[in-house]
Amino acid sequence: MRSWLPQGFFARTETEEKRSRFLTTLARADSEDEARAIVAQVRGTFPDARHHCLAFVVDVADAQPIERSSDDGEPAGTAGMPMLEVLRGAQLGNTVAVVSRYFGGILLGTGGLVRAYSDAVATALADAPRVIPQRRVMWGIDVGPADAGRIQGALMNRGLDVVDAAWGSSVRLTVAVSDPGLALPIVHELTQSDRDPIDLGTRIVEVPLAR
């Protein structure tokens, strides 16, 4: 199942192999420009690291994802591509991984480098939260201010995602709906009205993935 890191996610982990230190920066990136900006930030944070190897995957609507990798001076195929394979295996999109290596004086060999860079990214991913991007129907439900809190809580208790509440003389609750046929009777019941919600089109909603 395709998943992303949550909006704004940024984390760093460290692994070690034969005295070489591997600092992995893992972050959400919604475009190639965002991914490259994070890579530049990491380079600036660790300017004395010998290598800054990278891999990123950026999802594109109705097209193949953008995938990039770099060995950054390590032997060809020993760093960036193994890192990218870990992201692919995790079915992650909109994610960038940068592994900054501080050389420990012992050569790891081709196989050792592949394992070290793969393990560095896998370790960073182990405890990272995920969200599932889902296209949902968006409804607007207008209610009185006195009832807004009660209705919002009741909608959420019945499994509907209230993603926004705009307060004014009335309150518009924006609800993300996966099955309109099942949701409509619930809305009528809780609002005590036969008036249908306002159709606000569709959009991608990020649903937390249970681990």
N, C-alpha and C. Protein backbone atom coordinates (compact mmCIF):
# COMPACT_ATOMS: atom_id res chain seq x y z
N MET A 1 0.84 -1.19 0.00
CA MET A 1 0.00 0.00 0.00
C MET A 1 0.88 1.25 0.00
N ARG A 2 0.63 2.15 -0.95
CA ARG A 2 1.43 3.35 -1.07
C ARG A 2 1.22 4.26 0.14
N SER A 3 2.32 4.77 0.69
CA SER A 3 2.20 5.67 1.84
C SER A 3 3.24 6.77 1.72
N TRP A 4 3.05 7.81 2.52
CA TRP A 4 3.97 8.94 2.60
C TRP A 4 4.38 9.13 4.06
N LEU A 5 5.42 9.91 4.26
CA LEU A 5 5.69 10.43 5.59
C LEU A 5 4.72 11.58 5.85
N PRO A 6 4.39 11.87 7.11
CA PRO A 6 3.46 12.98 7.38
C PRO A 6 4.03 14.33 6.93
N GLN A 7 3.13 15.28 6.72
CA GLN A 7 3.54 16.64 6.37
C GLN A 7 4.54 17.18 7.40
N GLY A 8 5.64 17.74 6.91
CA GLY A 8 6.62 18.35 7.79
C GLY A 8 7.55 17.38 8.49
N PHE A 9 7.43 16.09 8.20
CA PHE A 9 8.27 15.11 8.90
C PHE A 9 9.74 15.32 8.55
N PHE A 10 10.59 15.28 9.58
CA PHE A 10 12.04 15.43 9.42
C PHE A 10 12.69 14.73 10.61
N ALA A 11 13.54 13.75 10.34
CA ALA A 11 14.17 13.00 11.43
C ALA A 11 15.57 12.59 11.02
N ARG A 12 16.38 12.30 12.03
CA ARG A 12 17.76 11.91 11.76
C ARG A 12 18.14 10.75 12.67
N THR A 13 18.79 9.74 12.10
CA THR A 13 19.27 8.59 12.86
C THR A 13 20.75 8.37 12.52
N GLU A 14 21.41 7.57 13.35
CA GLU A 14 22.83 7.29 13.12
C GLU A 14 23.09 5.80 13.27
N THR A 15 23.84 5.25 12.33
CA THR A 15 24.31 3.87 12.41
C THR A 15 25.83 3.88 12.24
N GLU A 16 26.46 2.76 12.58
CA GLU A 16 27.91 2.68 12.47
C GLU A 16 28.31 1.33 11.89
N GLU A 17 29.31 1.35 11.03
CA GLU A 17 29.83 0.13 10.43
C GLU A 17 31.35 0.26 10.33
N LYS A 18 32.06 -0.56 11.10
CA LYS A 18 33.53 -0.57 11.09
C LYS A 18 34.10 0.84 11.22
N ARG A 19 33.60 1.54 12.22
CA ARG A 19 34.04 2.87 12.62
C ARG A 19 33.59 3.98 11.68
N SER A 20 32.97 3.66 10.56
CA SER A 20 32.35 4.70 9.73
C SER A 20 30.98 5.03 10.30
N ARG A 21 30.68 6.32 10.40
CA ARG A 21 29.38 6.77 10.90
C ARG A 21 28.50 7.15 9.72
N PHE A 22 27.25 6.71 9.79
CA PHE A 22 26.27 6.99 8.73
C PHE A 22 25.11 7.75 9.36
N LEU A 23 25.00 9.03 9.04
CA LEU A 23 23.92 9.87 9.57
C LEU A 23 22.84 9.99 8.50
N THR A 24 21.68 9.44 8.80
CA THR A 24 20.59 9.42 7.82
C THR A 24 19.56 10.48 8.15
N THR A 25 19.32 11.35 7.18
CA THR A 25 18.25 12.34 7.29
C THR A 25 17.09 11.87 6.43
N LEU A 26 15.93 11.77 7.05
CA LEU A 26 14.72 11.29 6.37
C LEU A 26 13.67 12.38 6.47
N ALA A 27 13.06 12.74 5.33
CA ALA A 27 12.13 13.87 5.36
C ALA A 27 11.06 13.72 4.29
N ARG A 28 9.96 14.41 4.52
CA ARG A 28 8.88 14.52 3.54
C ARG A 28 9.29 15.55 2.49
N ALA A 29 9.04 15.23 1.22
CA ALA A 29 9.31 16.16 0.12
C ALA A 29 8.23 15.97 -0.93
N ASP A 30 7.47 17.02 -1.22
CA ASP A 30 6.35 16.91 -2.15
C ASP A 30 6.71 17.31 -3.58
N SER A 31 7.97 17.65 -3.81
CA SER A 31 8.41 17.99 -5.16
C SER A 31 9.91 17.72 -5.26
N GLU A 32 10.40 17.66 -6.48
CA GLU A 32 11.84 17.47 -6.66
C GLU A 32 12.62 18.65 -6.10
N ASP A 33 12.08 19.86 -6.25
CA ASP A 33 12.76 21.03 -5.70
C ASP A 33 12.86 20.94 -4.18
N GLU A 34 11.78 20.49 -3.52
CA GLU A 34 11.82 20.34 -2.06
C GLU A 34 12.87 19.30 -1.66
N ALA A 35 12.92 18.20 -2.40
CA ALA A 35 13.88 17.15 -2.08
C ALA A 35 15.31 17.68 -2.21
N ARG A 36 15.59 18.40 -3.28
CA ARG A 36 16.95 18.91 -3.48
C ARG A 36 17.30 20.00 -2.47
N ALA A 37 16.30 20.75 -2.02
CA ALA A 37 16.56 21.75 -0.98
C ALA A 37 16.95 21.08 0.33
N ILE A 38 16.32 19.95 0.64
CA ILE A 38 16.67 19.21 1.85
C ILE A 38 18.08 18.65 1.74
N VAL A 39 18.43 18.14 0.56
CA VAL A 39 19.80 17.64 0.34
C VAL A 39 20.81 18.76 0.58
N ALA A 40 20.53 19.94 0.03
CA ALA A 40 21.44 21.08 0.21
C ALA A 40 21.55 21.46 1.69
N GLN A 41 20.43 21.40 2.40
CA GLN A 41 20.44 21.72 3.83
C GLN A 41 21.33 20.73 4.60
N VAL A 42 21.23 19.45 4.25
CA VAL A 42 22.04 18.44 4.93
C VAL A 42 23.52 18.67 4.64
N ARG A 43 23.84 18.98 3.40
CA ARG A 43 25.25 19.26 3.06
C ARG A 43 25.79 20.43 3.88
N GLY A 44 24.94 21.44 4.09
CA GLY A 44 25.37 22.57 4.89
C GLY A 44 25.51 22.25 6.36
N THR A 45 24.70 21.30 6.84
CA THR A 45 24.75 20.92 8.25
C THR A 45 25.98 20.07 8.55
N PHE A 46 26.37 19.21 7.60
CA PHE A 46 27.52 18.32 7.80
C PHE A 46 28.55 18.54 6.68
N PRO A 47 29.17 19.71 6.64
CA PRO A 47 30.07 20.02 5.52
C PRO A 47 31.33 19.16 5.50
N ASP A 48 31.68 18.57 6.63
CA ASP A 48 32.91 17.78 6.70
C ASP A 48 32.69 16.29 6.46
N ALA A 49 31.46 15.88 6.18
CA ALA A 49 31.22 14.47 5.85
C ALA A 49 31.84 14.17 4.49
N ARG A 50 32.36 12.94 4.33
CA ARG A 50 33.03 12.60 3.08
C ARG A 50 32.03 12.41 1.94
N HIS A 51 30.86 11.86 2.24
CA HIS A 51 29.86 11.60 1.20
C HIS A 51 28.48 12.00 1.72
N HIS A 52 27.65 12.48 0.81
CA HIS A 52 26.23 12.74 1.09
C HIS A 52 25.44 12.00 0.01
N CYS A 53 25.16 10.74 0.24
CA CYS A 53 24.45 9.93 -0.74
C CYS A 53 22.95 10.13 -0.56
N LEU A 54 22.22 10.05 -1.66
CA LEU A 54 20.81 10.41 -1.57
C LEU A 54 19.94 9.50 -2.42
N ALA A 55 18.68 9.48 -2.03
CA ALA A 55 17.62 8.83 -2.82
C ALA A 55 16.32 9.53 -2.48
N PHE A 56 15.51 9.78 -3.50
CA PHE A 56 14.18 10.32 -3.21
C PHE A 56 13.17 9.84 -4.23
N VAL A 57 11.93 9.81 -3.77
CA VAL A 57 10.78 9.43 -4.60
C VAL A 57 9.71 10.49 -4.40
N VAL A 58 9.26 11.07 -5.50
CA VAL A 58 8.20 12.09 -5.44
C VAL A 58 7.06 11.62 -6.33
N ASP A 59 5.88 11.45 -5.75
CA ASP A 59 4.73 11.00 -6.52
C ASP A 59 4.20 12.12 -7.40
N VAL A 60 3.73 11.74 -8.59
CA VAL A 60 3.17 12.67 -9.56
C VAL A 60 1.79 12.16 -9.95
N ALA A 61 0.78 13.01 -9.87
CA ALA A 61 -0.58 12.58 -10.19
C ALA A 61 -0.67 12.06 -11.62
N ASP A 62 -1.25 10.87 -11.77
CA ASP A 62 -1.49 10.27 -13.08
C ASP A 62 -0.22 10.08 -13.90
N ALA A 63 0.90 9.86 -13.23
CA ALA A 63 2.16 9.64 -13.93
C ALA A 63 3.08 8.81 -13.04
N GLN A 64 4.17 8.35 -13.62
CA GLN A 64 5.15 7.61 -12.85
C GLN A 64 5.85 8.54 -11.85
N PRO A 65 6.22 8.03 -10.68
CA PRO A 65 6.91 8.88 -9.70
C PRO A 65 8.28 9.31 -10.21
N ILE A 66 8.74 10.45 -9.71
CA ILE A 66 10.10 10.91 -9.97
C ILE A 66 11.02 10.21 -8.98
N GLU A 67 12.03 9.51 -9.48
CA GLU A 67 12.98 8.80 -8.62
C GLU A 67 14.39 9.24 -8.98
N ARG A 68 15.15 9.60 -7.97
CA ARG A 68 16.53 10.02 -8.19
C ARG A 68 17.41 9.41 -7.10
N SER A 69 18.68 9.16 -7.45
CA SER A 69 19.64 8.67 -6.46
C SER A 69 21.03 9.13 -6.86
N SER A 70 21.92 9.17 -5.88
CA SER A 70 23.30 9.57 -6.13
C SER A 70 24.23 8.85 -5.16
N ASP A 71 25.36 8.36 -5.71
CA ASP A 71 26.38 7.73 -4.88
C ASP A 71 27.36 8.74 -4.29
N ASP A 72 27.37 9.95 -4.82
CA ASP A 72 28.21 11.05 -4.31
C ASP A 72 29.64 10.61 -4.02
N GLY A 73 30.26 9.97 -4.99
CA GLY A 73 31.67 9.61 -4.84
C GLY A 73 31.94 8.21 -4.34
N GLU A 74 30.94 7.55 -3.79
CA GLU A 74 31.11 6.14 -3.44
C GLU A 74 31.14 5.32 -4.74
N PRO A 75 31.68 4.10 -4.72
CA PRO A 75 31.68 3.28 -5.94
C PRO A 75 30.27 3.15 -6.52
N ALA A 76 30.20 3.18 -7.84
CA ALA A 76 28.90 3.20 -8.53
C ALA A 76 28.01 2.05 -8.08
N GLY A 77 26.78 2.38 -7.73
CA GLY A 77 25.78 1.38 -7.38
C GLY A 77 25.84 0.88 -5.96
N THR A 78 26.70 1.47 -5.11
CA THR A 78 26.84 0.95 -3.75
C THR A 78 26.08 1.75 -2.70
N ALA A 79 25.50 2.89 -3.08
CA ALA A 79 24.88 3.75 -2.07
C ALA A 79 23.50 4.23 -2.50
N GLY A 80 23.45 5.12 -3.51
CA GLY A 80 22.19 5.73 -3.88
C GLY A 80 21.13 4.74 -4.32
N MET A 81 21.49 3.80 -5.20
CA MET A 81 20.50 2.84 -5.68
C MET A 81 20.04 1.89 -4.57
N PRO A 82 20.93 1.36 -3.74
CA PRO A 82 20.44 0.55 -2.60
C PRO A 82 19.51 1.34 -1.68
N MET A 83 19.80 2.62 -1.46
CA MET A 83 18.91 3.45 -0.66
C MET A 83 17.55 3.58 -1.33
N LEU A 84 17.56 3.80 -2.65
CA LEU A 84 16.31 3.93 -3.39
C LEU A 84 15.51 2.64 -3.34
N GLU A 85 16.19 1.51 -3.39
CA GLU A 85 15.49 0.22 -3.33
C GLU A 85 14.78 0.05 -1.99
N VAL A 86 15.37 0.57 -0.91
CA VAL A 86 14.70 0.49 0.39
C VAL A 86 13.42 1.32 0.37
N LEU A 87 13.47 2.52 -0.21
CA LEU A 87 12.26 3.35 -0.31
C LEU A 87 11.21 2.66 -1.17
N ARG A 88 11.64 2.07 -2.28
CA ARG A 88 10.70 1.35 -3.14
C ARG A 88 10.07 0.19 -2.40
N GLY A 89 10.90 -0.58 -1.69
CA GLY A 89 10.39 -1.74 -0.96
C GLY A 89 9.40 -1.36 0.12
N ALA A 90 9.57 -0.17 0.68
CA ALA A 90 8.65 0.32 1.71
C ALA A 90 7.40 0.96 1.09
N GLN A 91 7.35 1.04 -0.25
CA GLN A 91 6.24 1.65 -0.98
C GLN A 91 5.99 3.08 -0.52
N LEU A 92 7.09 3.82 -0.38
CA LEU A 92 7.02 5.20 0.08
C LEU A 92 7.11 6.16 -1.09
N GLY A 93 6.27 7.18 -1.05
CA GLY A 93 6.38 8.29 -1.98
C GLY A 93 6.63 9.58 -1.21
N ASN A 94 6.96 10.64 -1.94
CA ASN A 94 7.18 11.97 -1.35
C ASN A 94 8.15 11.90 -0.16
N THR A 95 9.24 11.19 -0.38
CA THR A 95 10.22 10.95 0.67
C THR A 95 11.63 11.14 0.13
N VAL A 96 12.48 11.79 0.92
CA VAL A 96 13.89 11.93 0.57
C VAL A 96 14.73 11.38 1.72
N ALA A 97 15.77 10.64 1.36
CA ALA A 97 16.73 10.11 2.34
C ALA A 97 18.12 10.56 1.92
N VAL A 98 18.86 11.12 2.87
CA VAL A 98 20.25 11.53 2.65
C VAL A 98 21.10 10.86 3.71
N VAL A 99 22.11 10.12 3.28
CA VAL A 99 23.02 9.47 4.23
C VAL A 99 24.38 10.14 4.13
N SER A 100 24.78 10.79 5.21
CA SER A 100 26.08 11.47 5.29
C SER A 100 27.07 10.54 5.98
N ARG A 101 28.15 10.22 5.29
CA ARG A 101 29.12 9.26 5.83
C ARG A 101 30.39 9.96 6.31
N TYR A 102 30.76 9.63 7.54
CA TYR A 102 32.06 10.02 8.08
C TYR A 102 32.94 8.78 8.05
N PHE A 103 33.97 8.81 7.21
CA PHE A 103 34.82 7.64 7.00
C PHE A 103 35.60 7.30 8.26
N GLY A 104 35.58 6.01 8.61
CA GLY A 104 36.24 5.57 9.84
C GLY A 104 37.61 4.97 9.65
N GLY A 105 38.12 4.99 8.41
CA GLY A 105 39.48 4.50 8.18
C GLY A 105 39.55 3.06 7.70
N ILE A 106 38.42 2.36 7.65
CA ILE A 106 38.40 0.96 7.22
C ILE A 106 37.52 0.86 5.97
N LEU A 107 38.08 0.32 4.88
CA LEU A 107 37.29 0.14 3.66
C LEU A 107 36.25 -0.95 3.87
N LEU A 108 35.05 -0.70 3.40
CA LEU A 108 33.96 -1.66 3.61
C LEU A 108 33.77 -2.61 2.45
N GLY A 109 34.33 -2.30 1.29
CA GLY A 109 34.11 -3.14 0.13
C GLY A 109 32.73 -2.90 -0.47
N THR A 110 32.53 -3.39 -1.67
CA THR A 110 31.28 -3.14 -2.38
C THR A 110 30.07 -3.67 -1.61
N GLY A 111 30.14 -4.94 -1.21
CA GLY A 111 29.02 -5.53 -0.48
C GLY A 111 28.77 -4.84 0.85
N GLY A 112 29.85 -4.48 1.53
CA GLY A 112 29.71 -3.80 2.81
C GLY A 112 29.06 -2.44 2.69
N LEU A 113 29.40 -1.72 1.62
CA LEU A 113 28.79 -0.41 1.40
C LEU A 113 27.30 -0.54 1.10
N VAL A 114 26.95 -1.50 0.25
CA VAL A 114 25.53 -1.71 -0.06
C VAL A 114 24.74 -2.00 1.21
N ARG A 115 25.28 -2.88 2.05
CA ARG A 115 24.58 -3.21 3.30
C ARG A 115 24.51 -2.00 4.22
N ALA A 116 25.60 -1.26 4.33
CA ALA A 116 25.64 -0.14 5.26
C ALA A 116 24.64 0.94 4.87
N TYR A 117 24.59 1.28 3.59
CA TYR A 117 23.66 2.34 3.16
C TYR A 117 22.21 1.85 3.20
N SER A 118 21.99 0.60 2.84
CA SER A 118 20.63 0.05 2.93
C SER A 118 20.15 0.02 4.38
N ASP A 119 21.02 -0.46 5.27
CA ASP A 119 20.65 -0.55 6.68
C ASP A 119 20.42 0.83 7.29
N ALA A 120 21.20 1.82 6.84
CA ALA A 120 21.04 3.17 7.38
C ALA A 120 19.63 3.70 7.10
N VAL A 121 19.16 3.51 5.87
CA VAL A 121 17.82 3.99 5.52
C VAL A 121 16.74 3.15 6.19
N ALA A 122 16.94 1.83 6.23
CA ALA A 122 15.96 0.96 6.88
C ALA A 122 15.81 1.30 8.35
N THR A 123 16.92 1.63 9.01
CA THR A 123 16.86 2.02 10.43
C THR A 123 16.07 3.30 10.61
N ALA A 124 16.29 4.27 9.71
CA ALA A 124 15.56 5.53 9.80
C ALA A 124 14.07 5.33 9.59
N LEU A 125 13.71 4.38 8.74
CA LEU A 125 12.30 4.13 8.44
C LEU A 125 11.59 3.33 9.51
N ALA A 126 12.34 2.62 10.34
CA ALA A 126 11.74 1.64 11.25
C ALA A 126 10.66 2.23 12.13
N ASP A 127 10.89 3.41 12.67
CA ASP A 127 9.92 4.01 13.59
C ASP A 127 9.23 5.24 13.01
N ALA A 128 9.41 5.46 11.71
CA ALA A 128 8.81 6.65 11.10
C ALA A 128 7.31 6.45 10.90
N PRO A 129 6.50 7.43 11.28
CA PRO A 129 5.05 7.32 11.04
C PRO A 129 4.76 7.43 9.55
N ARG A 130 3.63 6.89 9.15
CA ARG A 130 3.22 6.93 7.75
C ARG A 130 1.79 7.43 7.64
N VAL A 131 1.47 7.99 6.49
CA VAL A 131 0.09 8.35 6.17
C VAL A 131 -0.23 7.77 4.80
N ILE A 132 -1.50 7.47 4.59
CA ILE A 132 -1.96 6.95 3.30
C ILE A 132 -2.71 8.06 2.58
N PRO A 133 -2.26 8.45 1.38
CA PRO A 133 -3.01 9.46 0.63
C PRO A 133 -4.25 8.84 -0.01
N GLN A 134 -5.39 9.41 0.28
CA GLN A 134 -6.65 8.91 -0.26
C GLN A 134 -7.47 10.07 -0.81
N ARG A 135 -8.04 9.87 -2.00
CA ARG A 135 -8.92 10.90 -2.55
C ARG A 135 -10.30 10.75 -1.93
N ARG A 136 -10.77 11.81 -1.31
CA ARG A 136 -12.06 11.79 -0.63
C ARG A 136 -13.00 12.85 -1.20
N VAL A 137 -14.28 12.57 -1.12
CA VAL A 137 -15.31 13.57 -1.42
C VAL A 137 -15.38 14.54 -0.25
N MET A 138 -15.42 15.83 -0.56
CA MET A 138 -15.45 16.85 0.49
C MET A 138 -16.85 17.47 0.55
N TRP A 139 -17.40 17.50 1.76
CA TRP A 139 -18.72 18.10 1.99
C TRP A 139 -18.60 19.27 2.94
N GLY A 140 -19.43 20.28 2.71
CA GLY A 140 -19.58 21.37 3.66
C GLY A 140 -20.91 21.24 4.37
N ILE A 141 -20.89 21.28 5.70
CA ILE A 141 -22.11 21.15 6.50
C ILE A 141 -22.22 22.40 7.36
N ASP A 142 -23.26 23.19 7.13
CA ASP A 142 -23.46 24.43 7.88
C ASP A 142 -24.36 24.17 9.09
N VAL A 143 -23.87 24.54 10.27
CA VAL A 143 -24.62 24.31 11.51
C VAL A 143 -24.53 25.57 12.37
N GLY A 144 -25.39 25.65 13.36
CA GLY A 144 -25.36 26.78 14.28
C GLY A 144 -24.19 26.68 15.24
N PRO A 145 -23.66 27.82 15.69
CA PRO A 145 -22.52 27.79 16.61
C PRO A 145 -22.79 27.00 17.89
N ALA A 146 -24.02 27.04 18.38
CA ALA A 146 -24.33 26.35 19.63
C ALA A 146 -24.25 24.83 19.47
N ASP A 147 -24.45 24.35 18.24
CA ASP A 147 -24.47 22.90 17.99
C ASP A 147 -23.18 22.39 17.37
N ALA A 148 -22.29 23.29 16.97
CA ALA A 148 -21.14 22.89 16.15
C ALA A 148 -20.25 21.88 16.85
N GLY A 149 -19.92 22.13 18.11
CA GLY A 149 -19.02 21.22 18.82
C GLY A 149 -19.62 19.84 18.98
N ARG A 150 -20.90 19.80 19.33
CA ARG A 150 -21.57 18.51 19.52
C ARG A 150 -21.63 17.73 18.21
N ILE A 151 -22.01 18.42 17.13
CA ILE A 151 -22.14 17.73 15.84
C ILE A 151 -20.77 17.30 15.31
N GLN A 152 -19.77 18.15 15.48
CA GLN A 152 -18.42 17.78 15.03
C GLN A 152 -17.95 16.51 15.74
N GLY A 153 -18.12 16.47 17.06
CA GLY A 153 -17.71 15.29 17.81
C GLY A 153 -18.49 14.05 17.41
N ALA A 154 -19.79 14.22 17.17
CA ALA A 154 -20.63 13.08 16.80
C ALA A 154 -20.24 12.55 15.42
N LEU A 155 -19.94 13.45 14.48
CA LEU A 155 -19.51 13.02 13.15
C LEU A 155 -18.23 12.20 13.25
N MET A 156 -17.28 12.68 14.04
CA MET A 156 -16.01 11.97 14.18
C MET A 156 -16.20 10.63 14.88
N ASN A 157 -17.10 10.59 15.85
CA ASN A 157 -17.37 9.32 16.54
C ASN A 157 -18.01 8.29 15.61
N ARG A 158 -18.69 8.78 14.57
CA ARG A 158 -19.32 7.88 13.60
C ARG A 158 -18.41 7.57 12.42
N GLY A 159 -17.14 7.98 12.51
CA GLY A 159 -16.16 7.59 11.51
C GLY A 159 -15.97 8.57 10.37
N LEU A 160 -16.54 9.77 10.47
CA LEU A 160 -16.35 10.78 9.43
C LEU A 160 -15.24 11.74 9.84
N ASP A 161 -14.38 12.10 8.90
CA ASP A 161 -13.24 12.97 9.19
C ASP A 161 -13.62 14.43 9.00
N VAL A 162 -13.66 15.18 10.09
CA VAL A 162 -13.90 16.62 10.01
C VAL A 162 -12.53 17.29 9.89
N VAL A 163 -12.25 17.86 8.72
CA VAL A 163 -10.91 18.39 8.45
C VAL A 163 -10.81 19.89 8.67
N ASP A 164 -11.95 20.56 8.84
CA ASP A 164 -11.90 22.00 9.08
C ASP A 164 -13.23 22.45 9.68
N ALA A 165 -13.16 23.54 10.45
CA ALA A 165 -14.36 24.18 11.00
C ALA A 165 -14.17 25.68 10.88
N ALA A 166 -14.97 26.32 10.03
CA ALA A 166 -14.88 27.77 9.81
C ALA A 166 -16.01 28.45 10.56
N TRP A 167 -15.63 29.27 11.56
CA TRP A 167 -16.61 29.88 12.44
C TRP A 167 -16.99 31.27 11.96
N GLY A 168 -18.28 31.55 12.01
CA GLY A 168 -18.82 32.86 11.69
C GLY A 168 -20.19 32.95 12.33
N SER A 169 -21.14 33.60 11.65
CA SER A 169 -22.50 33.61 12.17
C SER A 169 -23.07 32.20 12.20
N SER A 170 -22.58 31.35 11.30
CA SER A 170 -22.81 29.91 11.36
C SER A 170 -21.45 29.24 11.26
N VAL A 171 -21.42 27.94 11.42
CA VAL A 171 -20.16 27.20 11.37
C VAL A 171 -20.22 26.22 10.21
N ARG A 172 -19.23 26.30 9.33
CA ARG A 172 -19.16 25.32 8.25
C ARG A 172 -18.14 24.25 8.61
N LEU A 173 -18.63 23.03 8.76
CA LEU A 173 -17.77 21.88 8.99
C LEU A 173 -17.43 21.26 7.63
N THR A 174 -16.14 21.12 7.36
CA THR A 174 -15.71 20.45 6.13
C THR A 174 -15.38 19.01 6.47
N VAL A 175 -16.06 18.10 5.79
CA VAL A 175 -15.97 16.68 6.11
C VAL A 175 -15.44 15.92 4.91
N ALA A 176 -14.46 15.04 5.16
CA ALA A 176 -13.91 14.17 4.12
C ALA A 176 -14.64 12.84 4.17
N VAL A 177 -15.21 12.44 3.03
CA VAL A 177 -16.10 11.28 2.99
C VAL A 177 -15.55 10.24 2.02
N SER A 178 -15.44 9.01 2.47
CA SER A 178 -14.98 7.94 1.58
C SER A 178 -16.14 7.22 0.90
N ASP A 179 -17.29 7.15 1.56
CA ASP A 179 -18.47 6.48 0.99
C ASP A 179 -19.69 7.38 1.20
N PRO A 180 -20.01 8.23 0.21
CA PRO A 180 -21.13 9.16 0.37
C PRO A 180 -22.46 8.48 0.68
N GLY A 181 -22.68 7.30 0.10
CA GLY A 181 -23.94 6.60 0.33
C GLY A 181 -24.15 6.23 1.79
N LEU A 182 -23.08 5.84 2.46
CA LEU A 182 -23.18 5.50 3.88
C LEU A 182 -23.17 6.75 4.75
N ALA A 183 -22.47 7.78 4.30
CA ALA A 183 -22.30 8.97 5.14
C ALA A 183 -23.53 9.86 5.17
N LEU A 184 -24.29 9.92 4.06
CA LEU A 184 -25.40 10.87 3.99
C LEU A 184 -26.46 10.64 5.07
N PRO A 185 -26.91 9.40 5.32
CA PRO A 185 -27.89 9.21 6.40
C PRO A 185 -27.35 9.62 7.77
N ILE A 186 -26.05 9.45 7.98
CA ILE A 186 -25.45 9.86 9.26
C ILE A 186 -25.53 11.37 9.41
N VAL A 187 -25.21 12.09 8.34
CA VAL A 187 -25.26 13.55 8.38
C VAL A 187 -26.69 14.02 8.63
N HIS A 188 -27.66 13.43 7.93
CA HIS A 188 -29.07 13.82 8.15
C HIS A 188 -29.49 13.56 9.60
N GLU A 189 -29.07 12.43 10.13
CA GLU A 189 -29.44 12.08 11.50
C GLU A 189 -28.85 13.06 12.51
N LEU A 190 -27.56 13.36 12.37
CA LEU A 190 -26.89 14.17 13.38
C LEU A 190 -27.25 15.65 13.28
N THR A 191 -27.55 16.11 12.07
CA THR A 191 -27.94 17.52 11.92
C THR A 191 -29.44 17.71 12.07
N GLN A 192 -30.16 16.58 12.15
CA GLN A 192 -31.63 16.62 12.27
C GLN A 192 -32.23 17.46 11.14
N SER A 193 -31.72 17.20 9.94
CA SER A 193 -32.16 17.94 8.76
C SER A 193 -32.08 17.04 7.54
N ASP A 194 -33.00 17.25 6.59
CA ASP A 194 -32.97 16.51 5.33
C ASP A 194 -32.15 17.25 4.27
N ARG A 195 -31.60 18.39 4.63
CA ARG A 195 -30.83 19.16 3.66
C ARG A 195 -29.49 18.47 3.40
N ASP A 196 -29.17 18.31 2.12
CA ASP A 196 -27.92 17.64 1.76
C ASP A 196 -26.72 18.56 1.99
N PRO A 197 -25.56 17.97 2.28
CA PRO A 197 -24.34 18.78 2.43
C PRO A 197 -23.98 19.48 1.13
N ILE A 198 -23.13 20.48 1.22
CA ILE A 198 -22.65 21.22 0.06
C ILE A 198 -21.48 20.44 -0.55
N ASP A 199 -21.55 20.21 -1.86
CA ASP A 199 -20.49 19.47 -2.55
C ASP A 199 -19.30 20.40 -2.77
N LEU A 200 -18.16 20.05 -2.16
CA LEU A 200 -16.95 20.86 -2.29
C LEU A 200 -15.90 20.19 -3.18
N GLY A 201 -16.33 19.19 -3.96
CA GLY A 201 -15.39 18.50 -4.85
C GLY A 201 -14.64 17.40 -4.13
N THR A 202 -13.44 17.11 -4.61
CA THR A 202 -12.61 16.07 -4.00
C THR A 202 -11.21 16.62 -3.73
N ARG A 203 -10.50 15.96 -2.82
CA ARG A 203 -9.10 16.30 -2.60
C ARG A 203 -8.41 15.14 -1.90
N ILE A 204 -7.08 15.18 -1.92
CA ILE A 204 -6.30 14.14 -1.26
C ILE A 204 -6.26 14.42 0.24
N VAL A 205 -6.62 13.41 1.01
CA VAL A 205 -6.57 13.48 2.47
C VAL A 205 -5.55 12.46 2.95
N GLU A 206 -4.74 12.84 3.93
CA GLU A 206 -3.70 11.95 4.45
C GLU A 206 -4.21 11.27 5.71
N VAL A 207 -4.39 9.96 5.61
CA VAL A 207 -4.95 9.18 6.71
C VAL A 207 -3.82 8.45 7.43
N PRO A 208 -3.67 8.64 8.75
CA PRO A 208 -2.59 7.94 9.47
C PRO A 208 -2.67 6.43 9.28
N LEU A 209 -1.52 5.82 9.06
CA LEU A 209 -1.43 4.38 8.87
C LEU A 209 -1.13 3.72 10.21
N ALA A 210 -1.98 2.79 10.61
CA ALA A 210 -1.75 2.06 11.86
C ALA A 210 -0.52 1.19 11.70
N ARG A 211 0.35 1.22 12.71
CA ARG A 211 1.59 0.44 12.67
C ARG A 211 1.44 -0.81 13.52
